[in-house]
């Protein structure tokens, strides 16, 4: 997998512009709106999988997708520099894979997966 690849998921946010800037800077996602879906920014990960930044509310408050990254340590450092918070640091799954969870500036839990080999 490529750094930033995930499954499709909607992420609930209060400020779509700020969330677009955060995720674009962190993972290099292409984020924009389609003319027929105004107010619903869509993102596309490097490998082509995507999702949307949906308005927070009405019980839609907490998704979690796991994002493939080249380095959990580097990604967590970058996330915190952009206003994110580490919820669970790097944890071994197997001798060749690890995971972690951070909160984005809107409080969404996002998982990270790192694999070697």
C-alpha atoms as a PDB file:
ATOM      1  CA  UNK A   1       0.000   0.000   0.000  1.00  0.00           C
ATOM      2  CA  UNK A   2       0.961   3.633  -0.440  1.00  0.00           C
ATOM      3  CA  UNK A   3       1.320   6.187   2.382  1.00  0.00           C
ATOM      4  CA  UNK A   4      -2.149   7.600   3.003  1.00  0.00           C
ATOM      5  CA  UNK A   5      -4.251   4.770   1.472  1.00  0.00           C
ATOM      6  CA  UNK A   6      -7.432   3.951   3.405  1.00  0.00           C
ATOM      7  CA  UNK A   7     -10.908   2.562   2.853  1.00  0.00           C
ATOM      8  CA  UNK A   8     -13.736   4.980   1.988  1.00  0.00           C
ATOM      9  CA  UNK A   9     -15.075   6.727   5.042  1.00  0.00           C
ATOM     10  CA  UNK A  10     -16.964   9.875   5.934  1.00  0.00           C
ATOM     11  CA  UNK A  11     -15.327  11.959   8.628  1.00  0.00           C
ATOM     12  CA  UNK A  12     -17.647  14.262  10.631  1.00  0.00           C
ATOM     13  CA  UNK A  13     -16.209  17.779  11.093  1.00  0.00           C
ATOM     14  CA  UNK A  14     -17.327  21.184  12.369  1.00  0.00           C
ATOM     15  CA  UNK A  15     -15.125  23.258  10.048  1.00  0.00           C
ATOM     16  CA  UNK A  16     -14.758  21.664   6.626  1.00  0.00           C
ATOM     17  CA  UNK A  17     -12.142  24.175   5.424  1.00  0.00           C
ATOM     18  CA  UNK A  18      -9.914  23.576   8.468  1.00  0.00           C
ATOM     19  CA  UNK A  19     -10.377  19.804   8.191  1.00  0.00           C
ATOM     20  CA  UNK A  20      -9.548  19.951   4.478  1.00  0.00           C
ATOM     21  CA  UNK A  21      -6.310  21.820   5.264  1.00  0.00           C
ATOM     22  CA  UNK A  22      -5.391  19.373   8.064  1.00  0.00           C
ATOM     23  CA  UNK A  23      -5.886  16.169   6.038  1.00  0.00           C
ATOM     24  CA  UNK A  24      -4.405  17.628   2.863  1.00  0.00           C
ATOM     25  CA  UNK A  25      -1.221  18.621   4.710  1.00  0.00           C
ATOM     26  CA  UNK A  26      -0.961  15.413   6.743  1.00  0.00           C
ATOM     27  CA  UNK A  27      -1.569  12.760   4.070  1.00  0.00           C
ATOM     28  CA  UNK A  28      -1.332  14.645   0.775  1.00  0.00           C
ATOM     29  CA  UNK A  29      -4.987  13.941  -0.018  1.00  0.00           C
ATOM     30  CA  UNK A  30      -6.617  15.766  -2.917  1.00  0.00           C
ATOM     31  CA  UNK A  31      -9.703  17.460  -1.410  1.00  0.00           C
ATOM     32  CA  UNK A  32     -12.410  19.346  -3.295  1.00  0.00           C
ATOM     33  CA  UNK A  33     -16.111  19.694  -3.918  1.00  0.00           C
ATOM     34  CA  UNK A  34     -18.092  18.405  -6.857  1.00  0.00           C
ATOM     35  CA  UNK A  35     -20.593  20.888  -8.308  1.00  0.00           C
ATOM     36  CA  UNK A  36     -23.474  18.498  -7.556  1.00  0.00           C
ATOM     37  CA  UNK A  37     -22.346  17.952  -3.927  1.00  0.00           C
ATOM     38  CA  UNK A  38     -21.750  21.489  -2.603  1.00  0.00           C
ATOM     39  CA  UNK A  39     -20.830  21.623   1.083  1.00  0.00           C
ATOM     40  CA  UNK A  40     -19.498  18.062   1.097  1.00  0.00           C
ATOM     41  CA  UNK A  41     -15.746  18.093   0.384  1.00  0.00           C
ATOM     42  CA  UNK A  42     -14.542  14.807  -1.063  1.00  0.00           C
ATOM     43  CA  UNK A  43     -11.057  13.480  -0.518  1.00  0.00           C
ATOM     44  CA  UNK A  44      -9.014  11.068  -2.589  1.00  0.00           C
ATOM     45  CA  UNK A  45      -6.061   9.109  -1.193  1.00  0.00           C
ATOM     46  CA  UNK A  46      -2.966   8.455  -3.349  1.00  0.00           C
ATOM     47  CA  UNK A  47      -4.116   4.915  -4.263  1.00  0.00           C
ATOM     48  CA  UNK A  48      -7.556   6.121  -5.390  1.00  0.00           C
ATOM     49  CA  UNK A  49      -9.710   5.230  -2.364  1.00  0.00           C
ATOM     50  CA  UNK A  50     -11.677   8.150  -0.981  1.00  0.00           C
ATOM     51  CA  UNK A  51     -14.425   9.497   1.233  1.00  0.00           C
ATOM     52  CA  UNK A  52     -15.972  12.740   2.420  1.00  0.00           C
ATOM     53  CA  UNK A  53     -15.858  15.414   5.122  1.00  0.00           C
ATOM     54  CA  UNK A  54     -19.429  15.394   6.398  1.00  0.00           C
ATOM     55  CA  UNK A  55     -21.096  17.865   8.754  1.00  0.00           C
ATOM     56  CA  UNK A  56     -20.824  16.753  12.383  1.00  0.00           C
ATOM     57  CA  UNK A  57     -24.085  16.203  14.220  1.00  0.00           C
ATOM     58  CA  UNK A  58     -27.256  14.140  14.519  1.00  0.00           C
ATOM     59  CA  UNK A  59     -25.325  11.259  16.089  1.00  0.00           C
ATOM     60  CA  UNK A  60     -22.645  11.297  13.394  1.00  0.00           C
ATOM     61  CA  UNK A  61     -19.706  12.102  15.605  1.00  0.00           C
ATOM     62  CA  UNK A  62     -16.928   9.498  15.580  1.00  0.00           C
ATOM     63  CA  UNK A  63     -15.580   7.456  12.687  1.00  0.00           C
ATOM     64  CA  UNK A  64     -12.312   5.669  12.670  1.00  0.00           C
ATOM     65  CA  UNK A  65     -10.503   4.530   9.578  1.00  0.00           C
ATOM     66  CA  UNK A  66      -7.062   2.985   9.594  1.00  0.00           C
ATOM     67  CA  UNK A  67      -4.643   4.771   7.314  1.00  0.00           C
ATOM     68  CA  UNK A  68      -1.568   3.046   5.860  1.00  0.00           C
ATOM     69  CA  UNK A  69       1.574   5.131   6.500  1.00  0.00           C
ATOM     70  CA  UNK A  70       5.291   4.735   5.838  1.00  0.00           C
ATOM     71  CA  UNK A  71       6.194   5.679   9.412  1.00  0.00           C
ATOM     72  CA  UNK A  72       3.822   5.898  12.389  1.00  0.00           C
ATOM     73  CA  UNK A  73       6.409   7.876  14.367  1.00  0.00           C
ATOM     74  CA  UNK A  74       6.816  10.492  11.609  1.00  0.00           C
ATOM     75  CA  UNK A  75       3.067  10.683  10.968  1.00  0.00           C
ATOM     76  CA  UNK A  76       2.211  11.134  14.662  1.00  0.00           C
ATOM     77  CA  UNK A  77       4.823  13.896  14.927  1.00  0.00           C
ATOM     78  CA  UNK A  78       3.388  15.610  11.844  1.00  0.00           C
ATOM     79  CA  UNK A  79      -0.196  15.199  13.097  1.00  0.00           C
ATOM     80  CA  UNK A  80       0.663  16.849  16.419  1.00  0.00           C
ATOM     81  CA  UNK A  81       2.441  19.696  14.632  1.00  0.00           C
ATOM     82  CA  UNK A  82      -0.830  20.306  12.735  1.00  0.00           C
ATOM     83  CA  UNK A  83      -2.949  20.337  15.898  1.00  0.00           C
ATOM     84  CA  UNK A  84      -3.665  16.617  16.359  1.00  0.00           C
ATOM     85  CA  UNK A  85      -3.270  14.666  19.609  1.00  0.00           C
ATOM     86  CA  UNK A  86      -1.829  11.170  20.080  1.00  0.00           C
ATOM     87  CA  UNK A  87      -4.450   8.931  21.712  1.00  0.00           C
ATOM     88  CA  UNK A  88      -2.464   5.684  21.584  1.00  0.00           C
ATOM     89  CA  UNK A  89       1.189   5.545  20.547  1.00  0.00           C
ATOM     90  CA  UNK A  90       2.793   2.957  18.283  1.00  0.00           C
ATOM     91  CA  UNK A  91       1.828  -0.569  19.337  1.00  0.00           C
ATOM     92  CA  UNK A  92       3.093  -3.820  17.803  1.00  0.00           C
ATOM     93  CA  UNK A  93       0.523  -6.042  16.065  1.00  0.00           C
ATOM     94  CA  UNK A  94       3.097  -8.496  14.683  1.00  0.00           C
ATOM     95  CA  UNK A  95       6.887  -8.274  14.308  1.00  0.00           C
ATOM     96  CA  UNK A  96       6.268  -6.584  10.915  1.00  0.00           C
ATOM     97  CA  UNK A  97       3.208  -4.402  11.615  1.00  0.00           C
ATOM     98  CA  UNK A  98       2.206  -1.686  14.072  1.00  0.00           C
ATOM     99  CA  UNK A  99      -0.755   0.573  14.756  1.00  0.00           C
ATOM    100  CA  UNK A 100      -1.540   3.802  16.596  1.00  0.00           C
ATOM    101  CA  UNK A 101      -4.476   6.172  17.076  1.00  0.00           C
ATOM    102  CA  UNK A 102      -4.542   9.955  17.076  1.00  0.00           C
ATOM    103  CA  UNK A 103      -7.260  12.561  17.412  1.00  0.00           C
ATOM    104  CA  UNK A 104      -7.517  15.168  14.670  1.00  0.00           C
ATOM    105  CA  UNK A 105      -8.278  18.811  15.644  1.00  0.00           C
ATOM    106  CA  UNK A 106     -12.024  17.990  15.529  1.00  0.00           C
ATOM    107  CA  UNK A 107     -11.650  15.063  17.983  1.00  0.00           C
ATOM    108  CA  UNK A 108     -12.048  12.257  15.415  1.00  0.00           C
ATOM    109  CA  UNK A 109     -10.154   9.037  16.147  1.00  0.00           C
ATOM    110  CA  UNK A 110      -7.970   8.019  13.220  1.00  0.00           C
ATOM    111  CA  UNK A 111      -5.973   4.791  13.235  1.00  0.00           C
ATOM    112  CA  UNK A 112      -2.582   4.355  11.604  1.00  0.00           C
ATOM    113  CA  UNK A 113      -1.091   1.139  10.265  1.00  0.00           C
ATOM    114  CA  UNK A 114       2.592   0.656   9.428  1.00  0.00           C
ATOM    115  CA  UNK A 115       3.914  -2.509   7.804  1.00  0.00           C
ATOM    116  CA  UNK A 116       7.447  -3.499   6.915  1.00  0.00           C
ATOM    117  CA  UNK A 117       8.525  -5.932   4.260  1.00  0.00           C
END
